[in-house]
Amino acid sequence: MNGRSFKSLRLLLPLGSLVFCVSLMAIPTLSQDNQQTAPDNTKTNKDQAGPTADQQKMNPSDQALTQKIRKAIHEDQSLSSYAHNIKVITQDGKVTLRGPVRSEEEKNNLEAKAVGVAGQGNVTNELDVTPSK
């Protein structure tokens, strides 16, 4: 290598390092403000008294009741997606409805569907009205 090439190389190395460092500074960094924390409803789920979804009975009559109520809810397209996703828990012929719905009207509508299947006095309505923001 001649003296001229070596001198050029010595000049290019610091320039390359500078370009690399500037490019690293241009990479956007994630700040805590831009990140959203997933909602944690563990405490809400643990504090519930009464039956929970994992306590659904596996006997055929309770499964049939739950299936009929779910079918009635699914067929009603006027309900919100919240209402379509409520928990229906059946134990020994007693039905518990849980979860958020968008209005008092939806809450009453869902209860009426469950009472129509399970009968009066066999439905506990624990639905919460959570209006849209």
C-alpha atoms as a PDB file:
ATOM      1  CA  MET A   1       0.000   0.000   0.000  1.00  0.00           C
ATOM      2  CA  ASN A   2       1.411   3.393  -0.885  1.00  0.00           C
ATOM      3  CA  GLY A   3       1.517   6.370   1.513  1.00  0.00           C
ATOM      4  CA  ARG A   4      -1.364   8.122  -0.191  1.00  0.00           C
ATOM      5  CA  SER A   5      -3.801   5.191   0.181  1.00  0.00           C
ATOM      6  CA  PHE A   6      -2.885   4.767   3.822  1.00  0.00           C
ATOM      7  CA  LYS A   7      -3.531   8.470   4.470  1.00  0.00           C
ATOM      8  CA  SER A   8      -6.965   8.228   2.760  1.00  0.00           C
ATOM      9  CA  LEU A   9      -7.854   5.205   4.842  1.00  0.00           C
ATOM     10  CA  ARG A  10      -6.901   6.998   8.048  1.00  0.00           C
ATOM     11  CA  LEU A  11      -9.272   9.816   7.118  1.00  0.00           C
ATOM     12  CA  LEU A  12     -12.174   7.528   6.140  1.00  0.00           C
ATOM     13  CA  LEU A  13     -12.213   5.448   9.344  1.00  0.00           C
ATOM     14  CA  PRO A  14     -13.165   8.319  11.692  1.00  0.00           C
ATOM     15  CA  LEU A  15     -15.709   9.553   9.164  1.00  0.00           C
ATOM     16  CA  GLY A  16     -17.299   6.069   8.985  1.00  0.00           C
ATOM     17  CA  SER A  17     -17.443   5.896  12.778  1.00  0.00           C
ATOM     18  CA  LEU A  18     -19.137   9.279  12.923  1.00  0.00           C
ATOM     19  CA  VAL A  19     -21.771   8.263  10.340  1.00  0.00           C
ATOM     20  CA  PHE A  20     -22.453   5.035  12.268  1.00  0.00           C
ATOM     21  CA  CYS A  21     -22.913   6.889  15.580  1.00  0.00           C
ATOM     22  CA  VAL A  22     -25.271   9.452  14.029  1.00  0.00           C
ATOM     23  CA  SER A  23     -27.357   6.674  12.481  1.00  0.00           C
ATOM     24  CA  LEU A  24     -27.727   5.006  15.890  1.00  0.00           C
ATOM     25  CA  MET A  25     -29.015   8.242  17.377  1.00  0.00           C
ATOM     26  CA  ALA A  26     -31.664   8.426  14.652  1.00  0.00           C
ATOM     27  CA  ILE A  27     -33.253   5.108  15.697  1.00  0.00           C
ATOM     28  CA  PRO A  28     -36.446   5.877  17.607  1.00  0.00           C
ATOM     29  CA  THR A  29     -36.503   4.669  21.176  1.00  0.00           C
ATOM     30  CA  LEU A  30     -39.574   3.388  22.965  1.00  0.00           C
ATOM     31  CA  SER A  31     -40.629   5.496  25.853  1.00  0.00           C
ATOM     32  CA  GLN A  32     -42.829   4.402  28.715  1.00  0.00           C
ATOM     33  CA  ASP A  33     -45.454   6.922  27.569  1.00  0.00           C
ATOM     34  CA  ASN A  34     -45.958   5.176  24.222  1.00  0.00           C
ATOM     35  CA  GLN A  35     -46.412   1.719  25.707  1.00  0.00           C
ATOM     36  CA  GLN A  36     -49.802   0.628  26.974  1.00  0.00           C
ATOM     37  CA  THR A  37     -50.117  -1.719  29.875  1.00  0.00           C
ATOM     38  CA  ALA A  38     -52.552  -4.549  29.369  1.00  0.00           C
ATOM     39  CA  PRO A  39     -55.604  -4.271  31.611  1.00  0.00           C
ATOM     40  CA  ASP A  40     -55.312  -6.451  34.674  1.00  0.00           C
ATOM     41  CA  ASN A  41     -58.635  -7.630  36.020  1.00  0.00           C
ATOM     42  CA  THR A  42     -57.157 -10.451  38.091  1.00  0.00           C
ATOM     43  CA  LYS A  43     -58.286  -8.835  41.350  1.00  0.00           C
ATOM     44  CA  THR A  44     -61.826  -8.416  40.015  1.00  0.00           C
ATOM     45  CA  ASN A  45     -61.962 -12.052  38.976  1.00  0.00           C
ATOM     46  CA  LYS A  46     -60.542 -13.308  42.292  1.00  0.00           C
ATOM     47  CA  ASP A  47     -62.923 -11.223  44.395  1.00  0.00           C
ATOM     48  CA  GLN A  48     -66.046 -12.717  42.834  1.00  0.00           C
ATOM     49  CA  ALA A  49     -68.315 -14.641  45.129  1.00  0.00           C
ATOM     50  CA  GLY A  50     -70.461 -17.439  43.778  1.00  0.00           C
ATOM     51  CA  PRO A  51     -69.864 -19.534  40.710  1.00  0.00           C
ATOM     52  CA  THR A  52     -67.156 -18.742  38.217  1.00  0.00           C
ATOM     53  CA  ALA A  53     -66.862 -19.907  34.621  1.00  0.00           C
ATOM     54  CA  ASP A  54     -64.493 -22.723  35.545  1.00  0.00           C
ATOM     55  CA  GLN A  55     -67.136 -24.114  37.902  1.00  0.00           C
ATOM     56  CA  GLN A  56     -69.597 -24.818  35.071  1.00  0.00           C
ATOM     57  CA  LYS A  57     -71.084 -28.262  35.660  1.00  0.00           C
ATOM     58  CA  MET A  58     -70.407 -30.923  33.092  1.00  0.00           C
ATOM     59  CA  ASN A  59     -73.724 -32.756  33.479  1.00  0.00           C
ATOM     60  CA  PRO A  60     -75.859 -32.897  30.308  1.00  0.00           C
ATOM     61  CA  SER A  61     -78.804 -30.880  31.670  1.00  0.00           C
ATOM     62  CA  ASP A  62     -76.632 -27.925  32.765  1.00  0.00           C
ATOM     63  CA  GLN A  63     -74.701 -28.004  29.513  1.00  0.00           C
ATOM     64  CA  ALA A  64     -77.958 -28.014  27.547  1.00  0.00           C
ATOM     65  CA  LEU A  65     -79.269 -24.980  29.495  1.00  0.00           C
ATOM     66  CA  THR A  66     -76.056 -23.055  28.871  1.00  0.00           C
ATOM     67  CA  GLN A  67     -76.097 -24.006  25.190  1.00  0.00           C
ATOM     68  CA  LYS A  68     -79.715 -22.821  24.723  1.00  0.00           C
ATOM     69  CA  ILE A  69     -79.008 -19.499  26.456  1.00  0.00           C
ATOM     70  CA  ARG A  70     -75.830 -18.980  24.400  1.00  0.00           C
ATOM     71  CA  LYS A  71     -77.782 -19.736  21.206  1.00  0.00           C
ATOM     72  CA  ALA A  72     -80.460 -17.171  22.103  1.00  0.00           C
ATOM     73  CA  ILE A  73     -77.770 -14.555  22.780  1.00  0.00           C
ATOM     74  CA  HIS A  74     -75.878 -15.390  19.585  1.00  0.00           C
ATOM     75  CA  GLU A  75     -78.991 -15.074  17.415  1.00  0.00           C
ATOM     76  CA  ASP A  76     -79.761 -11.544  18.676  1.00  0.00           C
ATOM     77  CA  GLN A  77     -77.706  -9.312  16.372  1.00  0.00           C
ATOM     78  CA  SER A  78     -78.913  -6.147  18.128  1.00  0.00           C
ATOM     79  CA  LEU A  79     -76.679  -6.927  21.123  1.00  0.00           C
ATOM     80  CA  SER A  80     -73.209  -5.415  21.484  1.00  0.00           C
ATOM     81  CA  SER A  81     -70.073  -7.526  21.276  1.00  0.00           C
ATOM     82  CA  TYR A  82     -69.808  -7.120  25.049  1.00  0.00           C
ATOM     83  CA  ALA A  83     -73.228  -8.717  25.498  1.00  0.00           C
ATOM     84  CA  HIS A  84     -72.341 -11.540  23.109  1.00  0.00           C
ATOM     85  CA  ASN A  85     -69.322 -12.359  25.291  1.00  0.00           C
ATOM     86  CA  ILE A  86     -70.866 -12.529  28.763  1.00  0.00           C
ATOM     87  CA  LYS A  87     -70.251 -15.537  30.968  1.00  0.00           C
ATOM     88  CA  VAL A  88     -73.155 -17.962  31.361  1.00  0.00           C
ATOM     89  CA  ILE A  89     -72.531 -20.312  34.274  1.00  0.00           C
ATOM     90  CA  THR A  90     -74.998 -23.104  35.061  1.00  0.00           C
ATOM     91  CA  GLN A  91     -74.906 -25.207  38.221  1.00  0.00           C
ATOM     92  CA  ASP A  92     -77.707 -27.617  39.058  1.00  0.00           C
ATOM     93  CA  GLY A  93     -80.223 -25.731  36.914  1.00  0.00           C
ATOM     94  CA  LYS A  94     -79.304 -22.317  38.372  1.00  0.00           C
ATOM     95  CA  VAL A  95     -77.863 -19.840  35.875  1.00  0.00           C
ATOM     96  CA  THR A  96     -75.535 -16.942  36.683  1.00  0.00           C
ATOM     97  CA  LEU A  97     -74.879 -14.185  34.114  1.00  0.00           C
ATOM     98  CA  ARG A  98     -71.629 -12.226  34.484  1.00  0.00           C
ATOM     99  CA  GLY A  99     -69.703  -9.638  32.538  1.00  0.00           C
ATOM    100  CA  PRO A 100     -69.967  -6.131  31.154  1.00  0.00           C
ATOM    101  CA  VAL A 101     -72.794  -4.953  28.895  1.00  0.00           C
ATOM    102  CA  ARG A 102     -73.327  -1.566  27.248  1.00  0.00           C
ATOM    103  CA  SER A 103     -76.722  -0.586  28.671  1.00  0.00           C
ATOM    104  CA  GLU A 104     -79.410  -1.374  31.202  1.00  0.00           C
ATOM    105  CA  GLU A 105     -81.602  -2.437  28.263  1.00  0.00           C
ATOM    106  CA  GLU A 106     -79.024  -5.065  27.221  1.00  0.00           C
ATOM    107  CA  LYS A 107     -78.751  -6.264  30.803  1.00  0.00           C
ATOM    108  CA  ASN A 108     -82.523  -6.766  31.018  1.00  0.00           C
ATOM    109  CA  ASN A 109     -82.676  -8.326  27.538  1.00  0.00           C
ATOM    110  CA  LEU A 110     -80.022 -10.918  28.445  1.00  0.00           C
ATOM    111  CA  GLU A 111     -81.751 -11.742  31.710  1.00  0.00           C
ATOM    112  CA  ALA A 112     -85.058 -12.227  29.889  1.00  0.00           C
ATOM    113  CA  LYS A 113     -83.398 -14.635  27.432  1.00  0.00           C
ATOM    114  CA  ALA A 114     -81.919 -16.671  30.300  1.00  0.00           C
ATOM    115  CA  VAL A 115     -85.231 -16.698  32.231  1.00  0.00           C
ATOM    116  CA  GLY A 116     -87.006 -17.836  29.047  1.00  0.00           C
ATOM    117  CA  VAL A 117     -84.738 -20.897  28.966  1.00  0.00           C
ATOM    118  CA  ALA A 118     -84.052 -21.663  32.643  1.00  0.00           C
ATOM    119  CA  GLY A 119     -87.310 -20.422  34.159  1.00  0.00           C
ATOM    120  CA  GLN A 120     -88.236 -17.662  36.608  1.00  0.00           C
ATOM    121  CA  GLY A 121     -86.221 -17.800  39.845  1.00  0.00           C
ATOM    122  CA  ASN A 122     -83.372 -19.765  38.280  1.00  0.00           C
ATOM    123  CA  VAL A 123     -81.332 -16.819  36.968  1.00  0.00           C
ATOM    124  CA  THR A 124     -78.940 -14.575  38.897  1.00  0.00           C
ATOM    125  CA  ASN A 125     -78.091 -11.442  36.937  1.00  0.00           C
ATOM    126  CA  GLU A 126     -74.633 -10.139  37.887  1.00  0.00           C
ATOM    127  CA  LEU A 127     -74.092  -8.195  34.661  1.00  0.00           C
ATOM    128  CA  ASP A 128     -72.390  -4.787  34.936  1.00  0.00           C
ATOM    129  CA  VAL A 129     -73.411  -1.841  32.766  1.00  0.00           C
ATOM    130  CA  THR A 130     -70.259  -0.331  31.250  1.00  0.00           C
ATOM    131  CA  PRO A 131     -71.226   2.379  28.744  1.00  0.00           C
ATOM    132  CA  SER A 132     -68.893   3.002  25.808  1.00  0.00           C
ATOM    133  CA  LYS A 133     -66.381   5.814  26.240  1.00  0.00           C
END
